[in-house]
Amino acid sequence: MIADDSWFLTIIPEDNQYIIVIESMLLLLLGLGITTLITNYLWKTLSEKNHIEQVVKERTNAWLENTENLEKRIDKRIQELKNANEEKTQILTQMNYELRLPLNNILGFLEQSSYDNSLTQEQKDNVYYIQKNSQHLLQLLNKNFYFSKLISGKISIQRNMVILENLVNSISRQFEEEVKRKKLKLNYYIEPEISRYIKIDETKLRTILVNLLDNSIKFTDQGMITIKLFCDNQAWLSDNNTDSLDQENLWIEIEDNGSGIAPDIQDKVFEPFFRVNKKQGFGLGLSITSQLINLMGGKIYLSSQLGRGTIIQFYLPFTIPKTEEIRTNNQHQTIVSLANNEPNYRILVIDEQQENRELLVDFLKPIGFNLKEASKLQSALDVSRTWQPHLIFVDIKMLLSENNQIVNEIKNLQTLNQITIVGIASGKLEESQREQLQIWCDDCLYKPFSMDLILEKINFYLGVSYLWNNEEVEMISTRKIVKSLNYPTLKMMSSQWLKEVYSAASSGNRSLLEELIQQIPERHDSIINSMRELVNNFNYRQIREIIEPLID
């Protein structure tokens, strides 16, 4: 033992212990590395998340801003379109007014001429034809404007009593010259079971028939066009897989053997502005027709074969008028003059257009009214102060454009009688204009109107009494006709003639019936007149009943 010597204890581990320590150190370092990597990754991910959120927020705000701007632009564009549409409507209204004005004057003078008893029958017929064609021209003029009203929904149904045979005959005569020019035949047949009088919107029904006939004639170069009117068509509905209709409907069929319509465009013909022939028309007639039929509660069907012709069928609901309404309609009353002992009624007509003033003056003066004219409101005020009219007819356009204070002065004049002011308008008015006119005027008339309406207004406001010339509308007396068409009077006609008459009456072939009537010897004028009366009133069933017993 050596003093002060230090002892050291050295522990020498085994080899496997070194390995454990080294592995532990490596695992520790690996764990620290992984932790660092995960921490860095999470930190980076969090930063990217915040960045993404910021980007999303910015882009969302930008999208919202763009959407808001887009909505504002859309709203602005919609308003611009509305303003443009309103401006277009105003322009169409003004054009309609400017074009209707001379036509209305023509129709007014024609109606006035129809009251002239000095005219010969030929002259009356000429007046009638001019009147009907002028009305047709007016309808064509209104077609575009009519379409605008349908699109805007500003149209309503106004039912009135209609004599179907008169309506169809009138429309047929309207196309008479065109049919002759193209060497076509236009026939029409009205089922005898249909009531002579029905209540339906005559104006719209006329428009529908005119549009469809115009289209048929346009695309038919040779052959025949047939119009059929009947009440029941359940068999046709069944064949076309359509439900039966419970209500009473007027069915109308128009058939032609024209060029027909290709199958691939049949579904398009009722669309606005679609034209089969790009060189003809505006493509509005059939579209207006379809919309009017739907508006009136009906439906239209089309069947066509290219090169063989077209059949159009549609139905419209109708009602039967009351007996009193029919009785009133059967009496055509013509005013001759003012009744005896009537006072001296003074009427002032105010209008810038001389022809408009003359129309009313020339109509009312022969009846016995005292009339004066004025072309300006100021001169009308001067006349009213001194002359004190009972009633004033004034052009509404003047009231809206001139100093309307004058109208108030006229109404406030201290006269012995209260002055009645009736405005006359040539077109529809805006709501604000109607409200203003309610202040100025006691009533308002819209052109075109009948002269009878003028007399009704005078009677309503002034209590005028008239002298009437009552003419009962000639009605068919079946008993009288049967008596004149009995066997002894018809036995001189051949068996072949009787068979042809029966066949024509069965098929409703009016043209053939008229040709057969012309074969009757002129000395048998009573038979000729009776047969024509039956044909003109579409009483084909009565013709069949008369002829059938005479056929061998």
Protein backbone atom coordinates (compact mmCIF):
# COMPACT_ATOMS: atom_id res chain seq x y z
CA MET A 1 0.00 0.00 0.00
CA ILE A 2 1.40 3.29 -0.99
CA ALA A 3 0.50 6.32 1.07
CA ASP A 4 -1.31 9.22 -0.63
CA ASP A 5 -1.92 7.28 -3.71
CA SER A 6 -5.43 7.66 -5.14
CA TRP A 7 -7.50 4.84 -6.32
CA PHE A 8 -9.69 4.99 -9.36
CA LEU A 9 -12.48 2.69 -9.99
CA THR A 10 -12.99 2.11 -13.62
CA ILE A 11 -16.05 0.30 -14.73
CA ILE A 12 -15.67 -1.09 -18.12
CA PRO A 13 -19.13 -1.84 -19.64
CA GLU A 14 -19.76 -4.70 -21.78
CA ASP A 15 -19.96 -4.22 -25.56
CA ASN A 16 -23.78 -4.52 -25.79
CA GLN A 17 -24.24 -1.62 -23.36
CA TYR A 18 -22.37 0.71 -25.77
CA ILE A 19 -24.75 -0.25 -28.44
CA ILE A 20 -27.79 0.55 -26.31
CA VAL A 21 -26.44 4.01 -25.44
CA ILE A 22 -25.66 4.81 -29.03
CA GLU A 23 -29.08 3.67 -30.17
CA SER A 24 -30.73 5.78 -27.50
CA MET A 25 -28.79 8.84 -28.60
CA LEU A 26 -29.69 8.22 -32.20
CA LEU A 27 -33.36 7.76 -31.36
CA LEU A 28 -33.27 10.98 -29.36
CA LEU A 29 -31.72 12.85 -32.25
CA LEU A 30 -34.19 11.30 -34.68
CA GLY A 31 -37.11 12.27 -32.47
CA LEU A 32 -35.82 15.82 -32.20
CA GLY A 33 -35.45 15.95 -35.98
CA ILE A 34 -38.89 14.60 -36.65
CA THR A 35 -40.38 16.97 -34.09
CA THR A 36 -38.60 19.85 -35.78
CA LEU A 37 -39.84 18.76 -39.18
CA ILE A 38 -43.41 18.34 -37.94
CA THR A 39 -43.27 21.70 -36.22
CA ASN A 40 -41.95 23.37 -39.34
CA TYR A 41 -44.57 21.61 -41.46
CA LEU A 42 -47.40 22.61 -39.14
CA TRP A 43 -46.15 26.16 -38.99
CA LYS A 44 -45.90 26.31 -42.77
CA THR A 45 -49.34 24.72 -43.14
CA LEU A 46 -50.83 27.21 -40.70
CA SER A 47 -49.24 30.07 -42.61
CA GLU A 48 -50.54 28.71 -45.88
CA LYS A 49 -53.99 28.24 -44.33
CA ASN A 50 -54.06 31.85 -43.23
CA HIS A 51 -52.89 32.86 -46.66
CA ILE A 52 -55.53 30.72 -48.33
CA GLU A 53 -58.20 32.13 -46.05
CA GLN A 54 -57.06 35.62 -46.92
CA VAL A 55 -57.08 34.83 -50.63
CA VAL A 56 -60.54 33.23 -50.35
CA LYS A 57 -61.81 36.23 -48.43
CA GLU A 58 -60.39 38.66 -50.97
CA ARG A 59 -61.76 36.70 -53.89
CA THR A 60 -65.13 36.29 -52.17
CA ASN A 61 -65.31 40.03 -51.64
CA ALA A 62 -64.29 40.60 -55.24
CA TRP A 63 -66.95 38.11 -56.42
CA LEU A 64 -69.60 39.78 -54.27
CA GLU A 65 -68.57 43.15 -55.62
CA ASN A 66 -68.64 41.87 -59.20
CA THR A 67 -72.00 40.21 -58.57
CA GLU A 68 -73.39 43.42 -57.13
CA ASN A 69 -72.06 45.38 -60.09
CA LEU A 70 -73.47 42.79 -62.47
CA GLU A 71 -76.88 42.96 -60.77
CA LYS A 72 -76.78 46.74 -61.03
CA ARG A 73 -75.89 46.47 -64.72
CA ILE A 74 -78.67 43.92 -65.25
CA ASP A 75 -81.18 46.12 -63.41
CA LYS A 76 -80.03 49.09 -65.44
CA ARG A 77 -80.33 47.12 -68.67
CA ILE A 78 -83.79 45.84 -67.70
CA GLN A 79 -84.89 49.38 -66.96
CA GLU A 80 -83.44 50.55 -70.28
CA LEU A 81 -85.36 47.77 -72.04
CA LYS A 82 -88.54 48.72 -70.19
CA ASN A 83 -88.04 52.35 -71.14
CA ALA A 84 -87.33 51.35 -74.73
CA ASN A 85 -90.42 49.15 -74.77
CA GLU A 86 -92.55 51.94 -73.34
CA GLU A 87 -91.10 54.34 -75.88
CA LYS A 88 -91.79 51.83 -78.64
CA THR A 89 -95.37 51.46 -77.40
CA GLN A 90 -95.78 55.23 -77.34
CA ILE A 91 -94.42 55.50 -80.88
CA LEU A 92 -96.72 52.71 -82.06
CA THR A 93 -99.63 54.39 -80.32
CA GLN A 94 -98.83 57.69 -82.00
CA MET A 95 -98.40 56.00 -85.39
CA ASN A 96 -101.63 54.16 -84.80
CA TYR A 97 -103.36 57.43 -84.00
CA GLU A 98 -101.99 59.23 -87.06
CA LEU A 99 -102.99 56.39 -89.40
CA ARG A 100 -106.33 55.59 -87.78
CA LEU A 101 -107.51 59.20 -87.88
CA PRO A 102 -108.14 59.42 -91.66
CA LEU A 103 -109.52 55.86 -91.72
CA ASN A 104 -111.93 56.66 -88.91
CA ASN A 105 -113.08 59.72 -90.82
CA ILE A 106 -113.67 57.59 -93.91
CA LEU A 107 -115.67 55.10 -91.87
CA GLY A 108 -117.61 57.91 -90.27
CA PHE A 109 -118.61 59.46 -93.59
CA LEU A 110 -119.48 56.01 -94.94
CA GLU A 111 -121.75 55.37 -91.97
CA GLN A 112 -123.32 58.77 -92.48
CA SER A 113 -123.91 57.91 -96.16
CA SER A 114 -125.61 54.67 -95.16
CA TYR A 115 -128.39 56.75 -93.58
CA ASP A 116 -129.08 58.50 -96.89
CA ASN A 117 -132.38 57.10 -98.18
CA SER A 118 -131.86 58.72 -101.59
CA LEU A 119 -129.13 56.21 -102.49
CA THR A 120 -129.97 53.47 -104.96
CA GLN A 121 -129.48 49.86 -103.94
CA GLU A 122 -126.34 49.67 -106.05
CA GLN A 123 -124.94 52.77 -104.34
CA LYS A 124 -125.79 51.31 -100.93
CA ASP A 125 -123.96 48.12 -101.88
CA ASN A 126 -120.94 50.14 -102.96
CA VAL A 127 -120.97 52.03 -99.67
CA TYR A 128 -121.19 48.71 -97.86
CA TYR A 129 -118.21 47.24 -99.73
CA ILE A 130 -116.11 50.36 -99.15
CA GLN A 131 -117.08 50.31 -95.50
CA LYS A 132 -116.16 46.65 -95.03
CA ASN A 133 -112.84 47.00 -96.84
CA SER A 134 -111.99 50.12 -94.85
CA GLN A 135 -112.71 48.18 -91.68
CA HIS A 136 -110.45 45.40 -92.92
CA LEU A 137 -107.69 47.91 -93.63
CA LEU A 138 -108.13 49.27 -90.13
CA GLN A 139 -107.78 45.74 -88.73
CA LEU A 140 -104.58 45.16 -90.69
CA LEU A 141 -103.23 48.48 -89.47
CA ASN A 142 -103.89 47.47 -85.88
CA LYS A 143 -102.27 44.03 -86.18
CA ASN A 144 -98.84 45.06 -84.91
CA PHE A 145 -100.34 47.23 -82.20
CA TYR A 146 -102.71 44.41 -81.28
CA PHE A 147 -99.75 42.07 -80.85
CA SER A 148 -98.08 44.53 -78.48
CA LYS A 149 -101.20 44.63 -76.33
CA LEU A 150 -101.30 40.83 -76.18
CA ILE A 151 -97.66 40.68 -75.08
CA SER A 152 -98.24 43.29 -72.37
CA GLY A 153 -101.42 41.57 -71.21
CA LYS A 154 -103.47 44.73 -71.67
CA ILE A 155 -106.43 43.13 -73.39
CA SER A 156 -109.78 41.89 -72.12
CA ILE A 157 -112.79 39.89 -73.33
CA GLN A 158 -115.98 41.79 -74.21
CA ARG A 159 -118.85 39.48 -75.14
CA ASN A 160 -121.72 40.74 -77.23
CA MET A 161 -124.55 39.16 -79.20
CA VAL A 162 -123.55 37.85 -82.62
CA ILE A 163 -125.54 36.45 -85.55
CA LEU A 164 -123.06 33.88 -86.83
CA GLU A 165 -124.32 33.70 -90.40
CA ASN A 166 -124.09 37.48 -90.73
CA LEU A 167 -120.56 37.47 -89.37
CA VAL A 168 -119.36 34.66 -91.63
CA ASN A 169 -121.11 36.15 -94.65
CA SER A 170 -119.51 39.53 -93.95
CA ILE A 171 -116.04 38.02 -93.71
CA SER A 172 -116.63 35.94 -96.84
CA ARG A 173 -117.61 39.03 -98.81
CA GLN A 174 -114.54 40.78 -97.48
CA PHE A 175 -112.34 38.22 -99.29
CA GLU A 176 -114.59 37.96 -102.34
CA GLU A 177 -112.34 39.90 -104.72
CA GLU A 178 -109.18 38.06 -103.68
CA VAL A 179 -110.92 34.70 -104.08
CA LYS A 180 -112.12 35.66 -107.56
CA ARG A 181 -108.69 36.94 -108.53
CA LYS A 182 -107.06 33.61 -107.65
CA LYS A 183 -109.99 31.65 -109.15
CA LEU A 184 -110.66 29.86 -105.88
CA LYS A 185 -113.91 28.74 -104.30
CA LEU A 186 -114.81 29.81 -100.78
CA ASN A 187 -117.61 27.81 -99.19
CA TYR A 188 -118.99 27.89 -95.69
CA TYR A 189 -121.38 25.72 -93.77
CA ILE A 190 -123.07 26.42 -90.44
CA GLU A 191 -124.55 23.45 -88.64
CA PRO A 192 -128.32 23.98 -88.37
CA GLU A 193 -128.26 23.00 -84.69
CA ILE A 194 -126.17 26.05 -83.81
CA SER A 195 -128.22 28.82 -82.24
CA ARG A 196 -128.78 31.74 -84.59
CA TYR A 197 -127.72 34.10 -81.80
CA ILE A 198 -124.73 33.55 -79.51
CA LYS A 199 -122.81 35.75 -77.10
CA ILE A 200 -119.09 35.90 -77.81
CA ASP A 201 -116.40 38.53 -78.37
CA GLU A 202 -117.27 39.40 -81.97
CA THR A 203 -114.23 41.61 -82.58
CA LYS A 204 -111.77 38.93 -81.56
CA LEU A 205 -113.67 36.17 -83.37
CA ARG A 206 -113.64 38.30 -86.53
CA THR A 207 -109.90 38.91 -86.12
CA ILE A 208 -109.28 35.17 -85.72
CA LEU A 209 -111.30 34.25 -88.81
CA VAL A 210 -109.79 37.02 -90.92
CA ASN A 211 -106.25 35.96 -89.99
CA LEU A 212 -106.89 32.27 -90.71
CA LEU A 213 -108.73 32.91 -93.99
CA ASP A 214 -106.08 35.37 -95.11
CA ASN A 215 -103.45 32.72 -94.47
CA SER A 216 -105.39 29.99 -96.30
CA ILE A 217 -106.00 32.17 -99.36
CA LYS A 218 -102.38 33.27 -99.39
CA PHE A 219 -101.07 29.69 -99.65
CA THR A 220 -103.79 28.23 -101.87
CA ASP A 221 -103.28 28.70 -105.61
CA GLN A 222 -106.15 26.56 -106.84
CA GLY A 223 -109.08 24.64 -105.47
CA MET A 224 -111.33 25.31 -102.53
CA ILE A 225 -111.37 26.77 -99.02
CA THR A 226 -114.14 25.64 -96.69
CA ILE A 227 -115.32 27.10 -93.39
CA LYS A 228 -117.45 24.91 -91.14
CA LEU A 229 -119.10 25.92 -87.88
CA PHE A 230 -120.58 23.35 -85.53
CA CYS A 231 -121.27 22.83 -81.83
CA ASP A 232 -119.99 19.37 -80.97
CA ASN A 233 -116.75 17.69 -81.97
CA GLN A 234 -116.29 14.99 -79.35
CA ALA A 235 -115.38 12.36 -81.98
CA TRP A 236 -112.49 14.48 -83.20
CA LEU A 237 -111.31 15.04 -79.63
CA SER A 238 -111.38 11.29 -79.02
CA ASP A 239 -109.41 10.56 -82.19
CA ASN A 240 -106.75 13.05 -81.11
CA ASN A 241 -106.49 11.77 -77.51
CA THR A 242 -107.98 14.95 -76.10
CA ASP A 243 -110.28 15.06 -73.09
CA SER A 244 -113.96 15.76 -73.68
CA LEU A 245 -115.24 19.26 -73.01
CA ASP A 246 -118.15 19.74 -70.63
CA GLN A 247 -119.04 23.30 -71.63
CA GLU A 248 -120.81 24.31 -74.84
CA ASN A 249 -118.32 25.40 -77.45
CA LEU A 250 -118.38 26.79 -80.94
CA TRP A 251 -116.15 24.70 -83.18
CA ILE A 252 -114.78 26.24 -86.36
CA GLU A 253 -112.86 24.39 -89.05
CA ILE A 254 -111.04 26.01 -91.96
CA GLU A 255 -109.82 23.59 -94.61
CA ASP A 256 -107.86 24.34 -97.77
CA ASN A 257 -106.11 22.27 -100.41
CA GLY A 258 -103.16 24.60 -100.66
CA SER A 259 -99.43 23.97 -100.39
CA GLY A 260 -99.61 22.50 -96.90
CA ILE A 261 -97.06 22.80 -94.09
CA ALA A 262 -93.98 20.63 -93.67
CA PRO A 263 -94.06 18.41 -90.52
CA ASP A 264 -90.83 19.88 -89.11
CA ILE A 265 -92.27 23.41 -88.92
CA GLN A 266 -95.88 22.72 -87.92
CA ASP A 267 -95.06 23.34 -84.25
CA LYS A 268 -93.53 26.72 -85.12
CA VAL A 269 -96.26 28.34 -87.22
CA PHE A 270 -97.96 29.86 -84.17
CA GLU A 271 -94.74 31.41 -82.87
CA PRO A 272 -94.34 35.21 -83.22
CA PHE A 273 -92.57 36.37 -86.39
CA PHE A 274 -92.31 32.87 -87.85
CA ARG A 275 -92.97 32.95 -91.60
CA VAL A 276 -93.35 29.98 -93.91
CA ASN A 277 -92.75 32.31 -96.83
CA LYS A 278 -90.06 34.83 -95.92
CA LYS A 279 -91.29 37.25 -98.58
CA GLN A 280 -94.84 37.59 -97.25
CA GLY A 281 -96.26 39.16 -94.11
CA PHE A 282 -94.83 39.84 -90.68
CA GLY A 283 -95.37 36.42 -89.12
CA LEU A 284 -97.86 37.82 -86.60
CA GLY A 285 -101.26 36.70 -87.90
CA LEU A 286 -101.19 33.10 -86.67
CA SER A 287 -99.44 34.06 -83.44
CA ILE A 288 -102.14 36.63 -82.66
CA THR A 289 -104.78 34.06 -83.60
CA SER A 290 -103.39 31.42 -81.24
CA GLN A 291 -103.06 33.86 -78.35
CA LEU A 292 -106.56 35.25 -78.86
CA ILE A 293 -108.05 31.75 -78.88
CA ASN A 294 -106.23 30.90 -75.64
CA LEU A 295 -107.32 34.21 -74.12
CA MET A 296 -110.96 33.43 -74.97
CA GLY A 297 -110.72 30.03 -73.27
CA GLY A 298 -110.34 27.90 -76.39
CA LYS A 299 -107.68 25.85 -78.11
CA ILE A 300 -106.42 25.52 -81.67
CA TYR A 301 -105.35 22.38 -83.55
CA LEU A 302 -103.50 22.03 -86.84
CA SER A 303 -103.32 19.14 -89.29
CA SER A 304 -101.44 19.51 -92.56
CA GLN A 305 -99.87 17.46 -95.33
CA LEU A 306 -97.27 19.00 -97.56
CA GLY A 307 -98.68 19.48 -101.04
CA ARG A 308 -102.21 18.42 -100.04
CA GLY A 309 -103.53 21.16 -97.80
CA THR A 310 -104.20 22.20 -94.22
CA ILE A 311 -107.02 21.84 -91.71
CA ILE A 312 -107.18 24.19 -88.74
CA GLN A 313 -109.74 23.56 -86.03
CA PHE A 314 -110.38 25.56 -82.90
CA TYR A 315 -113.11 25.90 -80.33
CA LEU A 316 -114.36 28.86 -78.30
CA PRO A 317 -116.82 28.82 -75.39
CA PHE A 318 -120.02 30.83 -75.88
CA THR A 319 -123.33 31.50 -74.16
CA ILE A 320 -126.89 31.81 -75.42
CA PRO A 321 -128.40 35.31 -75.03
CA LYS A 322 -131.64 35.89 -73.21
CA THR A 323 -134.89 36.23 -75.15
CA GLU A 324 -135.14 39.93 -74.36
CA GLU A 325 -131.66 40.55 -75.74
CA ILE A 326 -132.60 38.77 -78.98
CA ARG A 327 -135.81 40.74 -79.27
CA THR A 328 -133.92 44.00 -78.88
CA ASN A 329 -131.35 42.93 -81.44
CA ASN A 330 -134.03 42.06 -83.98
CA GLN A 331 -135.24 45.62 -84.08
CA HIS A 332 -133.19 48.02 -86.14
CA GLN A 333 -134.17 51.56 -85.21
CA THR A 334 -133.19 54.57 -87.25
CA ILE A 335 -133.48 58.08 -85.81
CA VAL A 336 -135.32 60.38 -88.19
CA SER A 337 -135.28 63.65 -86.25
CA LEU A 338 -135.84 65.25 -82.89
CA ALA A 339 -139.26 64.60 -81.40
CA ASN A 340 -141.94 67.25 -81.66
CA ASN A 341 -141.75 70.20 -79.25
CA GLU A 342 -138.12 69.49 -78.35
CA PRO A 343 -136.13 72.62 -77.35
CA ASN A 344 -133.38 74.11 -79.48
CA TYR A 345 -130.36 72.08 -78.40
CA ARG A 346 -127.03 73.81 -79.02
CA ILE A 347 -123.96 71.63 -79.60
CA LEU A 348 -120.40 72.91 -80.05
CA VAL A 349 -117.81 70.79 -81.87
CA ILE A 350 -114.14 71.55 -81.09
CA ASP A 351 -111.44 69.99 -83.26
CA GLU A 352 -108.39 71.23 -85.14
CA GLN A 353 -109.22 69.01 -88.12
CA GLN A 354 -112.00 70.38 -90.29
CA GLU A 355 -113.05 66.95 -91.57
CA ASN A 356 -113.58 65.75 -87.99
CA ARG A 357 -115.84 68.70 -87.25
CA GLU A 358 -117.75 68.26 -90.50
CA LEU A 359 -118.37 64.60 -89.74
CA LEU A 360 -120.30 65.40 -86.55
CA VAL A 361 -121.93 68.57 -87.87
CA ASP A 362 -123.18 66.94 -91.09
CA PHE A 363 -124.59 64.03 -89.11
CA LEU A 364 -126.28 65.95 -86.28
CA LYS A 365 -127.61 68.99 -88.14
CA PRO A 366 -130.21 67.10 -90.28
CA ILE A 367 -131.62 65.55 -87.10
CA GLY A 368 -132.47 69.01 -85.81
CA PHE A 369 -129.60 70.08 -83.56
CA ASN A 370 -128.14 73.57 -83.71
CA LEU A 371 -124.37 73.32 -84.18
CA LYS A 372 -121.30 75.54 -84.17
CA GLU A 373 -117.64 74.72 -84.73
CA ALA A 374 -114.34 75.84 -83.20
CA SER A 375 -110.78 74.93 -84.16
CA LYS A 376 -109.14 76.41 -81.03
CA LEU A 377 -109.98 76.28 -77.34
CA GLN A 378 -109.83 80.05 -77.02
CA SER A 379 -112.40 80.55 -79.78
CA ALA A 380 -114.47 77.80 -78.16
CA LEU A 381 -114.43 79.78 -74.91
CA ASP A 382 -115.61 82.90 -76.75
CA VAL A 383 -118.44 80.96 -78.41
CA SER A 384 -119.42 79.36 -75.11
CA ARG A 385 -119.68 82.73 -73.37
CA THR A 386 -122.07 84.16 -75.93
CA TRP A 387 -123.84 81.11 -77.35
CA GLN A 388 -124.02 78.94 -74.20
CA PRO A 389 -124.02 75.43 -75.73
CA HIS A 390 -125.78 72.58 -73.98
CA LEU A 391 -123.10 70.06 -74.94
CA ILE A 392 -119.55 70.18 -76.29
CA PHE A 393 -117.71 67.50 -78.24
CA VAL A 394 -113.95 68.14 -78.02
CA ASP A 395 -110.86 66.38 -79.36
CA ILE A 396 -108.95 65.05 -76.35
CA LYS A 397 -105.63 65.61 -78.07
CA MET A 398 -106.33 69.35 -77.95
CA LEU A 399 -107.10 69.18 -74.23
CA LEU A 400 -103.78 67.47 -73.55
CA SER A 401 -101.69 69.80 -75.72
CA GLU A 402 -103.30 73.24 -75.35
CA ASN A 403 -103.99 75.46 -72.36
CA ASN A 404 -106.31 73.31 -70.29
CA GLN A 405 -107.15 76.26 -68.07
CA ILE A 406 -109.56 77.31 -70.80
CA VAL A 407 -111.51 74.08 -70.28
CA ASN A 408 -111.94 74.93 -66.61
CA GLU A 409 -113.18 78.39 -67.60
CA ILE A 410 -115.73 76.85 -69.97
CA LYS A 411 -116.99 74.49 -67.26
CA ASN A 412 -117.23 77.32 -64.75
CA LEU A 413 -119.18 79.67 -67.02
CA GLN A 414 -122.32 80.99 -65.35
CA THR A 415 -124.82 79.86 -67.95
CA LEU A 416 -128.51 79.04 -67.83
CA ASN A 417 -127.68 75.38 -68.38
CA GLN A 418 -124.82 73.20 -67.15
CA ILE A 419 -122.44 72.62 -70.06
CA THR A 420 -121.67 68.94 -70.68
CA ILE A 421 -118.24 68.17 -72.16
CA VAL A 422 -117.67 64.88 -73.99
CA GLY A 423 -114.11 64.10 -75.08
CA ILE A 424 -113.30 62.15 -78.26
CA ALA A 425 -110.11 60.08 -78.33
CA SER A 426 -108.49 58.24 -81.23
CA GLY A 427 -106.48 55.84 -79.08
CA LYS A 428 -105.92 54.47 -75.61
CA LEU A 429 -104.96 56.90 -72.88
CA GLU A 430 -102.45 56.64 -70.06
CA GLU A 431 -103.77 56.34 -66.51
CA SER A 432 -102.61 59.88 -65.65
CA GLN A 433 -104.36 61.23 -68.76
CA ARG A 434 -107.61 59.44 -67.88
CA GLU A 435 -107.48 60.86 -64.37
CA GLN A 436 -107.01 64.37 -65.74
CA LEU A 437 -109.82 63.96 -68.26
CA GLN A 438 -112.17 62.90 -65.47
CA ILE A 439 -111.73 66.43 -64.14
CA TRP A 440 -112.27 68.13 -67.49
CA CYS A 441 -114.84 65.90 -69.20
CA ASP A 442 -118.15 64.36 -68.23
CA ASP A 443 -117.60 61.44 -70.60
CA CYS A 444 -115.21 60.12 -73.22
CA LEU A 445 -115.67 58.28 -76.54
CA TYR A 446 -113.00 56.22 -78.27
CA LYS A 447 -112.76 55.99 -82.05
CA PRO A 448 -113.99 54.21 -83.99
CA PHE A 449 -117.53 54.56 -82.65
CA SER A 450 -120.92 54.41 -84.29
CA MET A 451 -122.98 57.54 -84.80
CA ASP A 452 -125.73 55.86 -82.82
CA LEU A 453 -123.46 56.10 -79.79
CA ILE A 454 -123.20 59.86 -80.30
CA LEU A 455 -126.99 60.10 -80.23
CA GLU A 456 -127.14 57.88 -77.14
CA LYS A 457 -124.74 60.19 -75.29
CA ILE A 458 -126.76 63.26 -76.26
CA ASN A 459 -129.90 61.53 -75.06
CA PHE A 460 -128.25 60.51 -71.78
CA TYR A 461 -126.92 63.95 -70.85
CA LEU A 462 -129.59 66.22 -72.33
CA GLY A 463 -132.68 64.01 -72.11
CA VAL A 464 -133.37 64.39 -75.82
CA SER A 465 -136.35 62.59 -77.38
CA TYR A 466 -136.14 61.31 -80.96
CA LEU A 467 -138.52 60.22 -83.67
CA TRP A 468 -137.68 56.67 -84.73
CA ASN A 469 -138.22 54.77 -87.96
CA ASN A 470 -138.56 51.20 -86.72
CA GLU A 471 -137.66 48.50 -89.19
CA GLU A 472 -138.07 44.93 -88.04
CA VAL A 473 -135.20 42.82 -89.26
CA GLU A 474 -136.53 40.36 -91.77
CA MET A 475 -136.74 36.90 -90.19
CA ILE A 476 -137.30 33.60 -91.95
CA SER A 477 -140.81 32.28 -91.83
CA THR A 478 -140.33 28.56 -92.39
CA ARG A 479 -144.03 27.93 -92.81
CA LYS A 480 -144.29 30.51 -95.59
CA ILE A 481 -141.23 29.12 -97.39
CA VAL A 482 -142.42 25.54 -97.16
CA LYS A 483 -145.72 26.64 -98.63
CA SER A 484 -144.00 28.27 -101.62
CA LEU A 485 -141.63 25.32 -102.09
CA ASN A 486 -144.14 22.47 -101.96
CA TYR A 487 -144.29 19.65 -104.50
CA PRO A 488 -146.48 21.39 -107.14
CA THR A 489 -144.10 24.32 -107.40
CA LEU A 490 -140.96 22.18 -107.63
CA LYS A 491 -142.20 19.33 -109.83
CA MET A 492 -141.12 21.18 -112.97
CA MET A 493 -137.43 20.83 -111.90
CA SER A 494 -135.56 17.73 -113.07
CA SER A 495 -134.78 14.78 -110.83
CA GLN A 496 -131.06 15.39 -111.36
CA TRP A 497 -131.46 19.01 -110.23
CA LEU A 498 -133.26 17.92 -107.05
CA LYS A 499 -130.52 15.41 -106.26
CA GLU A 500 -127.80 18.01 -106.76
CA VAL A 501 -129.65 20.48 -104.52
CA TYR A 502 -130.02 17.85 -101.81
CA SER A 503 -126.34 16.90 -102.07
CA ALA A 504 -125.20 20.54 -101.98
CA ALA A 505 -127.38 21.26 -98.93
CA SER A 506 -126.04 18.16 -97.17
CA SER A 507 -122.42 19.25 -97.70
CA GLY A 508 -123.10 22.94 -97.08
CA ASN A 509 -121.88 23.87 -100.56
CA ARG A 510 -123.23 27.41 -100.79
CA SER A 511 -121.62 28.20 -104.13
CA LEU A 512 -123.17 25.16 -105.81
CA LEU A 513 -126.58 25.96 -104.32
CA GLU A 514 -126.40 29.47 -105.75
CA GLU A 515 -125.50 28.04 -109.17
CA LEU A 516 -128.43 25.60 -109.01
CA ILE A 517 -130.84 28.38 -108.02
CA GLN A 518 -129.81 30.26 -111.15
CA GLN A 519 -131.10 27.31 -113.20
CA ILE A 520 -134.66 27.91 -111.99
CA PRO A 521 -136.70 29.64 -114.73
CA GLU A 522 -137.07 33.37 -114.06
CA ARG A 523 -140.87 33.19 -114.20
CA HIS A 524 -140.80 31.23 -110.91
CA ASP A 525 -139.51 34.21 -108.96
CA SER A 526 -141.20 33.14 -105.71
CA ILE A 527 -139.26 29.86 -105.71
CA ILE A 528 -136.02 31.69 -106.53
CA ASN A 529 -136.53 34.20 -103.70
CA SER A 530 -137.50 31.53 -101.18
CA MET A 531 -134.51 29.34 -102.04
CA ARG A 532 -132.14 32.29 -101.82
CA GLU A 533 -133.63 33.24 -98.47
CA LEU A 534 -132.94 29.78 -97.12
CA VAL A 535 -129.38 29.77 -98.49
CA ASN A 536 -128.61 33.27 -97.21
CA ASN A 537 -129.73 32.21 -93.75
CA PHE A 538 -127.77 28.92 -93.91
CA ASN A 539 -130.95 26.90 -93.37
CA TYR A 540 -129.59 23.88 -95.24
CA ARG A 541 -131.48 21.42 -93.07
CA GLN A 542 -134.79 22.97 -94.16
CA ILE A 543 -133.71 22.67 -97.80
CA ARG A 544 -132.98 18.97 -97.29
CA GLU A 545 -136.37 18.43 -95.62
CA ILE A 546 -138.14 20.11 -98.54
CA ILE A 547 -136.22 18.32 -101.29
CA GLU A 548 -135.94 14.82 -99.84
CA PRO A 549 -139.60 13.77 -100.44
CA LEU A 550 -139.31 14.89 -104.06
CA ILE A 551 -136.33 12.67 -104.94
CA ASP A 552 -137.26 9.47 -106.76
